[in-house]
C-alpha atoms as a PDB file:
ATOM      1  CA  MET A   1    -180.441 -60.970-128.785  1.00  0.00           C
ATOM      2  CA  ILE A   2    -183.481 -59.845-130.711  1.00  0.00           C
ATOM      3  CA  THR A   3    -184.388 -56.339-129.679  1.00  0.00           C
ATOM      4  CA  ARG A   4    -187.519 -54.305-130.298  1.00  0.00           C
ATOM      5  CA  ARG A   5    -185.515 -52.087-132.653  1.00  0.00           C
ATOM      6  CA  SER A   6    -184.224 -55.067-134.672  1.00  0.00           C
ATOM      7  CA  LEU A   7    -187.762 -56.449-134.955  1.00  0.00           C
ATOM      8  CA  ALA A   8    -188.955 -53.097-136.244  1.00  0.00           C
ATOM      9  CA  LEU A   9    -186.141 -52.958-138.792  1.00  0.00           C
ATOM     10  CA  THR A  10    -186.849 -56.519-139.909  1.00  0.00           C
ATOM     11  CA  SER A  11    -190.546 -55.760-140.285  1.00  0.00           C
ATOM     12  CA  ALA A  12    -189.796 -52.620-142.279  1.00  0.00           C
ATOM     13  CA  GLY A  13    -187.423 -54.573-144.477  1.00  0.00           C
ATOM     14  CA  LEU A  14    -190.044 -57.220-145.203  1.00  0.00           C
ATOM     15  CA  VAL A  15    -192.591 -54.542-146.114  1.00  0.00           C
ATOM     16  CA  ALA A  16    -190.091 -52.824-148.383  1.00  0.00           C
ATOM     17  CA  ALA A  17    -189.186 -56.109-150.071  1.00  0.00           C
ATOM     18  CA  SER A  18    -192.844 -56.945-150.581  1.00  0.00           C
ATOM     19  CA  HIS A  19    -193.463 -53.496-152.082  1.00  0.00           C
ATOM     20  CA  ALA A  20    -190.436 -53.890-154.357  1.00  0.00           C
ATOM     21  CA  ARG A  21    -191.743 -57.218-155.604  1.00  0.00           C
ATOM     22  CA  ALA A  22    -195.159 -55.673-156.279  1.00  0.00           C
ATOM     23  CA  GLN A  23    -193.524 -52.843-158.179  1.00  0.00           C
ATOM     24  CA  ALA A  24    -190.969 -55.048-159.946  1.00  0.00           C
ATOM     25  CA  PRO A  25    -190.205 -53.872-163.461  1.00  0.00           C
ATOM     26  CA  TRP A  26    -191.973 -55.696-166.249  1.00  0.00           C
ATOM     27  CA  PRO A  27    -190.878 -57.747-168.080  1.00  0.00           C
ATOM     28  CA  GLU A  28    -188.197 -59.660-166.211  1.00  0.00           C
ATOM     29  CA  LYS A  29    -188.407 -62.739-168.449  1.00  0.00           C
ATOM     30  CA  PRO A  30    -189.598 -63.659-171.976  1.00  0.00           C
ATOM     31  CA  VAL A  31    -193.192 -62.785-172.848  1.00  0.00           C
ATOM     32  CA  ARG A  32    -195.344 -65.359-174.629  1.00  0.00           C
ATOM     33  CA  LEU A  33    -197.638 -64.156-177.429  1.00  0.00           C
ATOM     34  CA  ILE A  34    -200.289 -66.742-178.306  1.00  0.00           C
ATOM     35  CA  ILE A  35    -201.812 -66.598-181.807  1.00  0.00           C
ATOM     36  CA  GLY A  36    -204.881 -68.667-182.658  1.00  0.00           C
ATOM     37  CA  TYR A  37    -204.040 -69.228-186.319  1.00  0.00           C
ATOM     38  CA  PRO A  38    -201.178 -70.915-188.209  1.00  0.00           C
ATOM     39  CA  ALA A  39    -197.935 -69.179-189.066  1.00  0.00           C
ATOM     40  CA  GLY A  40    -198.047 -67.144-192.253  1.00  0.00           C
ATOM     41  CA  GLY A  41    -201.625 -65.898-191.993  1.00  0.00           C
ATOM     42  CA  PRO A  42    -202.827 -62.302-191.514  1.00  0.00           C
ATOM     43  CA  THR A  43    -203.007 -62.620-187.703  1.00  0.00           C
ATOM     44  CA  ASP A  44    -199.545 -64.132-187.495  1.00  0.00           C
ATOM     45  CA  PHE A  45    -198.251 -61.344-189.765  1.00  0.00           C
ATOM     46  CA  GLY A  46    -198.906 -58.700-187.110  1.00  0.00           C
ATOM     47  CA  GLY A  47    -197.200 -60.716-184.408  1.00  0.00           C
ATOM     48  CA  ARG A  48    -194.094 -61.379-186.491  1.00  0.00           C
ATOM     49  CA  LEU A  49    -193.923 -57.725-187.526  1.00  0.00           C
ATOM     50  CA  LEU A  50    -193.845 -56.548-183.902  1.00  0.00           C
ATOM     51  CA  GLN A  51    -191.896 -59.451-182.415  1.00  0.00           C
ATOM     52  CA  ASP A  52    -188.364 -58.099-182.669  1.00  0.00           C
ATOM     53  CA  PRO A  53    -189.154 -54.383-182.113  1.00  0.00           C
ATOM     54  CA  LEU A  54    -191.102 -55.170-178.929  1.00  0.00           C
ATOM     55  CA  GLY A  55    -188.351 -57.509-177.778  1.00  0.00           C
ATOM     56  CA  ARG A  56    -185.857 -54.680-178.120  1.00  0.00           C
ATOM     57  CA  LEU A  57    -188.116 -52.225-176.269  1.00  0.00           C
ATOM     58  CA  TRP A  58    -188.773 -54.643-173.435  1.00  0.00           C
ATOM     59  CA  GLY A  59    -185.290 -56.092-173.158  1.00  0.00           C
ATOM     60  CA  GLN A  60    -186.831 -59.571-173.213  1.00  0.00           C
ATOM     61  CA  PRO A  61    -187.789 -61.867-176.113  1.00  0.00           C
ATOM     62  CA  LEU A  62    -191.352 -61.928-177.354  1.00  0.00           C
ATOM     63  CA  VAL A  63    -191.944 -65.623-178.039  1.00  0.00           C
ATOM     64  CA  ILE A  64    -194.735 -66.411-180.514  1.00  0.00           C
ATOM     65  CA  GLU A  65    -196.763 -69.557-179.951  1.00  0.00           C
ATOM     66  CA  ASN A  66    -199.217 -70.537-182.697  1.00  0.00           C
ATOM     67  CA  ARG A  67    -202.153 -72.493-181.271  1.00  0.00           C
ATOM     68  CA  ALA A  68    -204.373 -72.932-184.282  1.00  0.00           C
ATOM     69  CA  GLY A  69    -207.789 -74.523-184.330  1.00  0.00           C
ATOM     70  CA  ALA A  70    -211.504 -74.058-183.640  1.00  0.00           C
ATOM     71  CA  SER A  71    -211.661 -70.459-184.856  1.00  0.00           C
ATOM     72  CA  GLN A  72    -209.015 -69.482-182.260  1.00  0.00           C
ATOM     73  CA  ILE A  73    -211.094 -70.851-179.364  1.00  0.00           C
ATOM     74  CA  ILE A  74    -208.195 -73.127-178.343  1.00  0.00           C
ATOM     75  CA  ALA A  75    -205.890 -70.126-178.087  1.00  0.00           C
ATOM     76  CA  SER A  76    -208.510 -68.007-176.324  1.00  0.00           C
ATOM     77  CA  GLU A  77    -209.040 -70.659-173.659  1.00  0.00           C
ATOM     78  CA  ALA A  78    -205.289 -70.981-173.076  1.00  0.00           C
ATOM     79  CA  VAL A  79    -205.026 -67.239-172.474  1.00  0.00           C
ATOM     80  CA  ALA A  80    -208.122 -67.121-170.255  1.00  0.00           C
ATOM     81  CA  ARG A  81    -206.575 -69.803-168.024  1.00  0.00           C
ATOM     82  CA  SER A  82    -203.145 -68.121-167.848  1.00  0.00           C
ATOM     83  CA  PRO A  83    -201.905 -66.070-164.881  1.00  0.00           C
ATOM     84  CA  ALA A  84    -202.553 -62.336-165.198  1.00  0.00           C
ATOM     85  CA  ASP A  85    -198.873 -61.513-164.753  1.00  0.00           C
ATOM     86  CA  GLY A  86    -198.165 -59.989-168.157  1.00  0.00           C
ATOM     87  CA  TYR A  87    -196.169 -62.952-169.419  1.00  0.00           C
ATOM     88  CA  THR A  88    -198.955 -64.410-171.558  1.00  0.00           C
ATOM     89  CA  LEU A  89    -200.565 -62.160-174.167  1.00  0.00           C
ATOM     90  CA  PHE A  90    -202.983 -62.981-176.967  1.00  0.00           C
ATOM     91  CA  LEU A  91    -202.930 -61.561-180.486  1.00  0.00           C
ATOM     92  CA  ALA A  92    -206.637 -61.969-181.152  1.00  0.00           C
ATOM     93  CA  ALA A  93    -208.462 -61.618-184.436  1.00  0.00           C
ATOM     94  CA  SER A  94    -211.989 -60.210-184.559  1.00  0.00           C
ATOM     95  CA  THR A  95    -213.522 -63.684-184.389  1.00  0.00           C
ATOM     96  CA  HIS A  96    -212.778 -63.249-180.681  1.00  0.00           C
ATOM     97  CA  ALA A  97    -215.859 -60.984-180.651  1.00  0.00           C
ATOM     98  CA  SER A  98    -218.001 -63.031-183.046  1.00  0.00           C
ATOM     99  CA  ASN A  99    -217.429 -66.514-181.603  1.00  0.00           C
ATOM    100  CA  ALA A 100    -219.777 -65.814-178.706  1.00  0.00           C
ATOM    101  CA  ALA A 101    -222.519 -65.034-181.226  1.00  0.00           C
ATOM    102  CA  VAL A 102    -222.175 -68.194-183.311  1.00  0.00           C
ATOM    103  CA  TYR A 103    -220.993 -70.909-180.926  1.00  0.00           C
ATOM    104  CA  ALA A 104    -223.540 -72.551-178.654  1.00  0.00           C
ATOM    105  CA  ARG A 105    -220.956 -72.887-175.864  1.00  0.00           C
ATOM    106  CA  LEU A 106    -217.506 -71.460-175.196  1.00  0.00           C
ATOM    107  CA  PRO A 107    -215.081 -72.527-172.450  1.00  0.00           C
ATOM    108  CA  TYR A 108    -214.671 -68.896-171.346  1.00  0.00           C
ATOM    109  CA  ASP A 109    -216.542 -65.594-171.136  1.00  0.00           C
ATOM    110  CA  THR A 110    -215.485 -63.236-173.944  1.00  0.00           C
ATOM    111  CA  LEU A 111    -216.007 -60.116-171.831  1.00  0.00           C
ATOM    112  CA  ALA A 112    -215.298 -61.265-168.276  1.00  0.00           C
ATOM    113  CA  ASP A 113    -212.210 -63.427-168.828  1.00  0.00           C
ATOM    114  CA  PHE A 114    -209.997 -61.049-170.838  1.00  0.00           C
ATOM    115  CA  THR A 115    -208.365 -57.631-170.639  1.00  0.00           C
ATOM    116  CA  PRO A 116    -208.351 -55.661-173.918  1.00  0.00           C
ATOM    117  CA  ILE A 117    -205.003 -53.900-174.353  1.00  0.00           C
ATOM    118  CA  VAL A 118    -204.495 -52.409-177.816  1.00  0.00           C
ATOM    119  CA  ASN A 119    -206.070 -52.895-181.238  1.00  0.00           C
ATOM    120  CA  LEU A 120    -203.392 -52.855-183.946  1.00  0.00           C
ATOM    121  CA  TYR A 121    -205.009 -52.688-187.355  1.00  0.00           C
ATOM    122  CA  ALA A 122    -207.907 -53.895-189.463  1.00  0.00           C
ATOM    123  CA  SER A 123    -208.096 -55.456-192.899  1.00  0.00           C
ATOM    124  CA  PRO A 124    -211.028 -54.195-194.990  1.00  0.00           C
ATOM    125  CA  THR A 125    -213.584 -56.714-196.180  1.00  0.00           C
ATOM    126  CA  VAL A 126    -213.689 -56.550-199.994  1.00  0.00           C
ATOM    127  CA  LEU A 127    -216.201 -57.948-202.486  1.00  0.00           C
ATOM    128  CA  PHE A 128    -214.304 -59.910-205.156  1.00  0.00           C
ATOM    129  CA  VAL A 129    -215.076 -61.780-208.367  1.00  0.00           C
ATOM    130  CA  GLY A 130    -212.642 -63.800-210.467  1.00  0.00           C
ATOM    131  CA  ARG A 131    -210.636 -62.472-213.384  1.00  0.00           C
ATOM    132  CA  GLY A 132    -212.770 -64.414-215.870  1.00  0.00           C
ATOM    133  CA  SER A 133    -216.054 -63.019-214.590  1.00  0.00           C
ATOM    134  CA  PRO A 134    -217.962 -60.687-216.931  1.00  0.00           C
ATOM    135  CA  ILE A 135    -219.093 -58.714-213.879  1.00  0.00           C
ATOM    136  CA  ARG A 136    -217.318 -55.375-213.485  1.00  0.00           C
ATOM    137  CA  THR A 137    -219.232 -53.583-210.733  1.00  0.00           C
ATOM    138  CA  ALA A 138    -221.164 -54.339-207.569  1.00  0.00           C
ATOM    139  CA  GLN A 139    -224.331 -53.127-209.291  1.00  0.00           C
ATOM    140  CA  GLU A 140    -223.808 -55.661-212.080  1.00  0.00           C
ATOM    141  CA  LEU A 141    -223.277 -58.394-209.496  1.00  0.00           C
ATOM    142  CA  VAL A 142    -226.564 -57.572-207.768  1.00  0.00           C
ATOM    143  CA  ALA A 143    -228.416 -57.531-211.085  1.00  0.00           C
ATOM    144  CA  ALA A 144    -226.898 -60.881-212.083  1.00  0.00           C
ATOM    145  CA  ALA A 145    -227.778 -62.406-208.712  1.00  0.00           C
ATOM    146  CA  LYS A 146    -231.388 -61.309-209.089  1.00  0.00           C
ATOM    147  CA  ARG A 147    -231.545 -62.963-212.503  1.00  0.00           C
ATOM    148  CA  ASP A 148    -229.871 -66.105-211.165  1.00  0.00           C
ATOM    149  CA  PRO A 149    -231.062 -66.900-207.612  1.00  0.00           C
ATOM    150  CA  GLY A 150    -228.675 -69.853-207.502  1.00  0.00           C
ATOM    151  CA  MET A 151    -225.559 -67.698-207.839  1.00  0.00           C
ATOM    152  CA  SER A 152    -222.943 -68.833-205.328  1.00  0.00           C
ATOM    153  CA  PHE A 153    -221.021 -66.721-202.832  1.00  0.00           C
ATOM    154  CA  GLY A 154    -218.069 -68.318-201.075  1.00  0.00           C
ATOM    155  CA  THR A 155    -217.060 -67.654-197.474  1.00  0.00           C
ATOM    156  CA  SER A 156    -214.050 -68.659-195.407  1.00  0.00           C
ATOM    157  CA  GLY A 157    -216.280 -70.556-193.000  1.00  0.00           C
ATOM    158  CA  ASN A 158    -219.487 -70.518-191.033  1.00  0.00           C
ATOM    159  CA  GLY A 159    -219.472 -67.474-188.750  1.00  0.00           C
ATOM    160  CA  SER A 160    -216.461 -65.838-190.413  1.00  0.00           C
ATOM    161  CA  SER A 161    -216.303 -62.120-191.142  1.00  0.00           C
ATOM    162  CA  GLY A 162    -216.969 -62.880-194.804  1.00  0.00           C
ATOM    163  CA  HIS A 163    -220.035 -64.897-193.846  1.00  0.00           C
ATOM    164  CA  PHE A 164    -221.413 -62.005-191.788  1.00  0.00           C
ATOM    165  CA  ALA A 165    -220.672 -59.581-194.643  1.00  0.00           C
ATOM    166  CA  THR A 166    -222.433 -61.846-197.151  1.00  0.00           C
ATOM    167  CA  GLU A 167    -225.521 -62.169-194.955  1.00  0.00           C
ATOM    168  CA  MET A 168    -225.748 -58.417-194.422  1.00  0.00           C
ATOM    169  CA  PHE A 169    -225.119 -57.659-198.094  1.00  0.00           C
ATOM    170  CA  ARG A 170    -227.752 -60.065-199.405  1.00  0.00           C
ATOM    171  CA  ARG A 171    -230.346 -58.594-197.037  1.00  0.00           C
ATOM    172  CA  LYS A 172    -229.388 -55.049-197.992  1.00  0.00           C
ATOM    173  CA  VAL A 173    -229.672 -55.547-201.765  1.00  0.00           C
ATOM    174  CA  GLY A 174    -232.393 -58.189-201.806  1.00  0.00           C
ATOM    175  CA  ILE A 175    -230.682 -61.235-203.270  1.00  0.00           C
ATOM    176  CA  GLU A 176    -230.724 -64.909-202.236  1.00  0.00           C
ATOM    177  CA  PRO A 177    -227.424 -66.445-203.352  1.00  0.00           C
ATOM    178  CA  THR A 178    -226.247 -69.915-202.410  1.00  0.00           C
ATOM    179  CA  ILE A 179    -223.686 -69.437-199.644  1.00  0.00           C
ATOM    180  CA  VAL A 180    -220.842 -71.951-199.726  1.00  0.00           C
ATOM    181  CA  ALA A 181    -218.676 -72.230-196.612  1.00  0.00           C
ATOM    182  CA  PHE A 182    -215.068 -73.309-197.158  1.00  0.00           C
ATOM    183  CA  ARG A 183    -212.419 -74.280-194.624  1.00  0.00           C
ATOM    184  CA  GLY A 184    -210.568 -70.980-194.731  1.00  0.00           C
ATOM    185  CA  ALA A 185    -210.122 -67.997-197.021  1.00  0.00           C
ATOM    186  CA  ALA A 186    -207.583 -69.570-199.391  1.00  0.00           C
ATOM    187  CA  PRO A 187    -209.862 -72.295-200.807  1.00  0.00           C
ATOM    188  CA  ALA A 188    -212.759 -69.836-201.131  1.00  0.00           C
ATOM    189  CA  LEU A 189    -210.585 -67.418-203.093  1.00  0.00           C
ATOM    190  CA  GLN A 190    -209.234 -70.179-205.336  1.00  0.00           C
ATOM    191  CA  GLU A 191    -212.769 -71.263-206.212  1.00  0.00           C
ATOM    192  CA  VAL A 192    -213.602 -67.669-207.160  1.00  0.00           C
ATOM    193  CA  VAL A 193    -210.444 -67.415-209.270  1.00  0.00           C
ATOM    194  CA  ALA A 194    -211.377 -70.678-211.006  1.00  0.00           C
ATOM    195  CA  GLY A 195    -214.875 -69.405-211.712  1.00  0.00           C
ATOM    196  CA  ARG A 196    -216.638 -72.175-209.810  1.00  0.00           C
ATOM    197  CA  VAL A 197    -217.936 -69.647-207.268  1.00  0.00           C
ATOM    198  CA  ALA A 198    -219.228 -66.287-208.455  1.00  0.00           C
ATOM    199  CA  ALA A 199    -218.076 -63.966-205.674  1.00  0.00           C
ATOM    200  CA  THR A 200    -216.757 -63.708-202.149  1.00  0.00           C
ATOM    201  CA  PHE A 201    -216.252 -61.200-199.375  1.00  0.00           C
ATOM    202  CA  SER A 202    -212.653 -61.593-198.259  1.00  0.00           C
ATOM    203  CA  THR A 203    -210.176 -59.650-196.189  1.00  0.00           C
ATOM    204  CA  LEU A 204    -207.946 -57.474-198.320  1.00  0.00           C
ATOM    205  CA  SER A 205    -204.834 -58.725-196.532  1.00  0.00           C
ATOM    206  CA  GLY A 206    -205.740 -62.318-197.405  1.00  0.00           C
ATOM    207  CA  ALA A 207    -206.473 -61.534-201.062  1.00  0.00           C
ATOM    208  CA  ILE A 208    -204.001 -58.756-201.854  1.00  0.00           C
ATOM    209  CA  GLY A 209    -201.556 -61.074-203.623  1.00  0.00           C
ATOM    210  CA  LEU A 210    -204.170 -62.521-205.982  1.00  0.00           C
ATOM    211  CA  ALA A 211    -205.604 -59.053-206.591  1.00  0.00           C
ATOM    212  CA  ARG A 212    -202.191 -57.652-207.534  1.00  0.00           C
ATOM    213  CA  GLU A 213    -201.640 -60.573-209.900  1.00  0.00           C
ATOM    214  CA  GLY A 214    -204.924 -59.755-211.616  1.00  0.00           C
ATOM    215  CA  GLN A 215    -206.559 -63.044-210.652  1.00  0.00           C
ATOM    216  CA  LEU A 216    -209.220 -61.302-208.586  1.00  0.00           C
ATOM    217  CA  ARG A 217    -211.266 -58.209-209.415  1.00  0.00           C
ATOM    218  CA  ALA A 218    -212.309 -55.999-206.507  1.00  0.00           C
ATOM    219  CA  LEU A 219    -215.829 -54.591-206.870  1.00  0.00           C
ATOM    220  CA  ALA A 220    -216.323 -52.730-203.595  1.00  0.00           C
ATOM    221  CA  ILE A 221    -214.875 -52.150-200.135  1.00  0.00           C
ATOM    222  CA  GLY A 222    -217.117 -53.328-197.331  1.00  0.00           C
ATOM    223  CA  GLY A 223    -215.588 -50.981-194.752  1.00  0.00           C
ATOM    224  CA  PRO A 224    -216.256 -47.255-194.293  1.00  0.00           C
ATOM    225  CA  ASN A 225    -213.210 -46.020-196.223  1.00  0.00           C
ATOM    226  CA  ARG A 226    -211.443 -46.754-199.487  1.00  0.00           C
ATOM    227  CA  ALA A 227    -208.278 -48.824-199.290  1.00  0.00           C
ATOM    228  CA  GLU A 228    -205.017 -47.084-200.104  1.00  0.00           C
ATOM    229  CA  VAL A 229    -203.815 -50.082-202.125  1.00  0.00           C
ATOM    230  CA  LEU A 230    -207.093 -50.184-204.130  1.00  0.00           C
ATOM    231  CA  PRO A 231    -207.667 -46.456-204.705  1.00  0.00           C
ATOM    232  CA  GLY A 232    -210.080 -46.872-207.615  1.00  0.00           C
ATOM    233  CA  VAL A 233    -212.434 -49.254-205.816  1.00  0.00           C
ATOM    234  CA  PRO A 234    -215.508 -47.592-204.229  1.00  0.00           C
ATOM    235  CA  THR A 235    -217.003 -48.461-200.878  1.00  0.00           C
ATOM    236  CA  LEU A 236    -220.431 -50.042-200.574  1.00  0.00           C
ATOM    237  CA  ASP A 237    -221.460 -46.879-198.724  1.00  0.00           C
ATOM    238  CA  GLU A 238    -220.653 -44.815-201.822  1.00  0.00           C
ATOM    239  CA  LEU A 239    -222.784 -47.161-203.915  1.00  0.00           C
ATOM    240  CA  GLY A 240    -225.759 -46.934-201.570  1.00  0.00           C
ATOM    241  CA  MET A 241    -225.294 -50.549-200.479  1.00  0.00           C
ATOM    242  CA  GLY A 242    -223.627 -49.865-197.159  1.00  0.00           C
ATOM    243  CA  ILE A 243    -223.500 -52.581-194.511  1.00  0.00           C
ATOM    244  CA  PRO A 244    -222.065 -52.535-190.965  1.00  0.00           C
ATOM    245  CA  ASP A 245    -218.293 -52.801-191.077  1.00  0.00           C
ATOM    246  CA  THR A 246    -217.145 -56.416-190.774  1.00  0.00           C
ATOM    247  CA  SER A 247    -213.461 -55.704-191.388  1.00  0.00           C
ATOM    248  CA  PRO A 248    -211.430 -58.114-189.251  1.00  0.00           C
ATOM    249  CA  TRP A 249    -209.177 -56.503-186.665  1.00  0.00           C
ATOM    250  CA  TYR A 250    -206.105 -57.792-184.858  1.00  0.00           C
ATOM    251  CA  GLY A 251    -205.363 -56.735-181.297  1.00  0.00           C
ATOM    252  CA  PHE A 252    -203.477 -57.580-178.109  1.00  0.00           C
ATOM    253  CA  VAL A 253    -205.553 -59.042-175.276  1.00  0.00           C
ATOM    254  CA  GLY A 254    -204.521 -60.376-171.883  1.00  0.00           C
ATOM    255  CA  PRO A 255    -206.111 -62.541-169.189  1.00  0.00           C
ATOM    256  CA  LYS A 256    -208.640 -60.896-166.885  1.00  0.00           C
ATOM    257  CA  GLY A 257    -207.165 -58.847-164.055  1.00  0.00           C
ATOM    258  CA  LEU A 258    -204.037 -57.784-165.933  1.00  0.00           C
ATOM    259  CA  ALA A 259    -202.441 -54.924-163.999  1.00  0.00           C
ATOM    260  CA  ARG A 260    -203.114 -51.491-165.464  1.00  0.00           C
ATOM    261  CA  PRO A 261    -199.423 -50.474-165.566  1.00  0.00           C
ATOM    262  CA  ILE A 262    -198.692 -53.484-167.787  1.00  0.00           C
ATOM    263  CA  VAL A 263    -201.728 -52.750-169.969  1.00  0.00           C
ATOM    264  CA  ASP A 264    -200.597 -49.157-170.396  1.00  0.00           C
ATOM    265  CA  ARG A 265    -196.994 -50.143-171.113  1.00  0.00           C
ATOM    266  CA  VAL A 266    -197.938 -52.647-173.809  1.00  0.00           C
ATOM    267  CA  ALA A 267    -200.471 -50.273-175.381  1.00  0.00           C
ATOM    268  CA  ARG A 268    -198.027 -47.360-175.388  1.00  0.00           C
ATOM    269  CA  ASP A 269    -195.183 -49.384-176.882  1.00  0.00           C
ATOM    270  CA  VAL A 270    -197.340 -51.019-179.560  1.00  0.00           C
ATOM    271  CA  ILE A 271    -198.980 -47.744-180.605  1.00  0.00           C
ATOM    272  CA  GLY A 272    -195.541 -46.128-180.821  1.00  0.00           C
ATOM    273  CA  LEU A 273    -194.377 -48.889-183.173  1.00  0.00           C
ATOM    274  CA  LEU A 274    -197.530 -48.659-185.294  1.00  0.00           C
ATOM    275  CA  ARG A 275    -196.739 -44.987-185.851  1.00  0.00           C
ATOM    276  CA  ASP A 276    -193.255 -45.873-187.068  1.00  0.00           C
ATOM    277  CA  THR A 277    -193.216 -45.203-190.806  1.00  0.00           C
ATOM    278  CA  THR A 278    -191.521 -48.493-191.691  1.00  0.00           C
ATOM    279  CA  ILE A 279    -193.868 -50.716-189.692  1.00  0.00           C
ATOM    280  CA  GLY A 280    -196.926 -48.670-190.631  1.00  0.00           C
ATOM    281  CA  ARG A 281    -196.060 -48.845-194.326  1.00  0.00           C
ATOM    282  CA  ARG A 282    -195.712 -52.618-194.211  1.00  0.00           C
ATOM    283  CA  ILE A 283    -199.180 -52.914-192.685  1.00  0.00           C
ATOM    284  CA  VAL A 284    -200.745 -50.611-195.289  1.00  0.00           C
ATOM    285  CA  ASP A 285    -198.954 -52.318-198.174  1.00  0.00           C
ATOM    286  CA  SER A 286    -200.293 -55.664-196.992  1.00  0.00           C
ATOM    287  CA  GLY A 287    -203.858 -54.351-197.158  1.00  0.00           C
ATOM    288  CA  GLY A 288    -204.229 -53.173-193.577  1.00  0.00           C
ATOM    289  CA  VAL A 289    -205.622 -50.008-192.010  1.00  0.00           C
ATOM    290  CA  ILE A 290    -203.886 -48.898-188.817  1.00  0.00           C
ATOM    291  CA  LEU A 291    -206.251 -48.444-185.856  1.00  0.00           C
ATOM    292  CA  ALA A 292    -203.933 -48.008-182.825  1.00  0.00           C
ATOM    293  CA  GLU A 293    -206.872 -48.131-180.389  1.00  0.00           C
ATOM    294  CA  GLY A 294    -206.077 -47.992-176.676  1.00  0.00           C
ATOM    295  CA  PRO A 295    -207.678 -50.165-173.961  1.00  0.00           C
ATOM    296  CA  GLU A 296    -210.963 -48.282-173.532  1.00  0.00           C
ATOM    297  CA  VAL A 297    -211.687 -47.816-177.240  1.00  0.00           C
ATOM    298  CA  PHE A 298    -210.724 -51.426-177.944  1.00  0.00           C
ATOM    299  CA  ASP A 299    -212.945 -52.700-175.135  1.00  0.00           C
ATOM    300  CA  ALA A 300    -215.881 -50.662-176.473  1.00  0.00           C
ATOM    301  CA  ARG A 301    -215.332 -52.094-179.969  1.00  0.00           C
ATOM    302  CA  ILE A 302    -215.383 -55.681-178.688  1.00  0.00           C
ATOM    303  CA  ARG A 303    -218.590 -55.072-176.713  1.00  0.00           C
ATOM    304  CA  ARG A 304    -220.283 -53.327-179.640  1.00  0.00           C
ATOM    305  CA  GLU A 305    -219.346 -56.008-182.170  1.00  0.00           C
ATOM    306  CA  LEU A 306    -220.356 -58.826-179.859  1.00  0.00           C
ATOM    307  CA  ALA A 307    -223.836 -57.303-179.526  1.00  0.00           C
ATOM    308  CA  GLU A 308    -224.152 -56.566-183.260  1.00  0.00           C
ATOM    309  CA  ASN A 309    -222.963 -60.019-184.258  1.00  0.00           C
ATOM    310  CA  ALA A 310    -225.430 -61.673-181.883  1.00  0.00           C
ATOM    311  CA  VAL A 311    -228.326 -59.934-183.654  1.00  0.00           C
ATOM    312  CA  ILE A 312    -227.059 -60.817-187.144  1.00  0.00           C
ATOM    313  CA  ALA A 313    -226.324 -64.426-186.174  1.00  0.00           C
ATOM    314  CA  ARG A 314    -229.792 -64.841-184.683  1.00  0.00           C
ATOM    315  CA  GLU A 315    -231.582 -63.324-187.686  1.00  0.00           C
ATOM    316  CA  ALA A 316    -229.506 -65.255-190.248  1.00  0.00           C
ATOM    317  CA  GLY A 317    -229.459 -68.510-188.322  1.00  0.00           C
ATOM    318  CA  ILE A 318    -225.646 -68.590-188.093  1.00  0.00           C
ATOM    319  CA  ARG A 319    -224.833 -71.154-185.413  1.00  0.00           C
ATOM    320  CA  VAL A 320    -222.003 -73.598-184.703  1.00  0.00           C
ATOM    321  CA  GLU A 321    -222.599 -76.421-182.219  1.00  0.00           C
END
């Protein structure tokens, strides 16, 4: 016989079970980390570096899924359409904030459809020439470009961080080089090494190997601070040629509506690992600068860069259909 007391106990049990499910520990299964670039690149580097340590902290595997293509728009859309349950995360590069400025249409809203979690590190944008170039300083490069208006600057693609840096630099110093867009950083750097392109703005992490081999000569750091691995190279600020910082960053983002306890857990665990001397040293040695920005600071950065990039893209005519 079902009594009033048994009904009350059953009801209380259902409420308790529902509350337990809502408060269930996270994660209870493997977590997927989507990366919008191929394996082996600077974005993938951060994911692989944190993959095993985070797996140990969480007691569940962190499974990396590379979804390369369309300046990480394919990966961004996949994350935007994923459930906000903490089991799909996105290791986004800074093109996440610039795509909205250069693409006529996106299949998601950069601000409304994502939850910023933690920004890991940045890689300074550096002005490089090839080893065979007679140019030794940024001042010499500017002077040479004014003598030769056809001088070529390579970029890793239309709307890339290097493209934005080149546009801002040319306006700052008053030069009109020919800007050549390549399909990625590697071919742009190889053309500079070969001497077929005079200069390029490239991420330090993408060029550090060639720089250490002596195939590239760094003239100036585009970011606000000198790079530890290039201590003798001045910043453009020091040279009076300062431009807004276009250094690419790499950070964890989730779908919109991601629960705050999960956001805080991921941010806390990632920041703790970034402060580990072994992991931190690997990032610095690869040309990175640790940021360890929490959700609010990261969100503010994305909003600020999206607005800044929109202005630059409009003034420079940077647009991808």
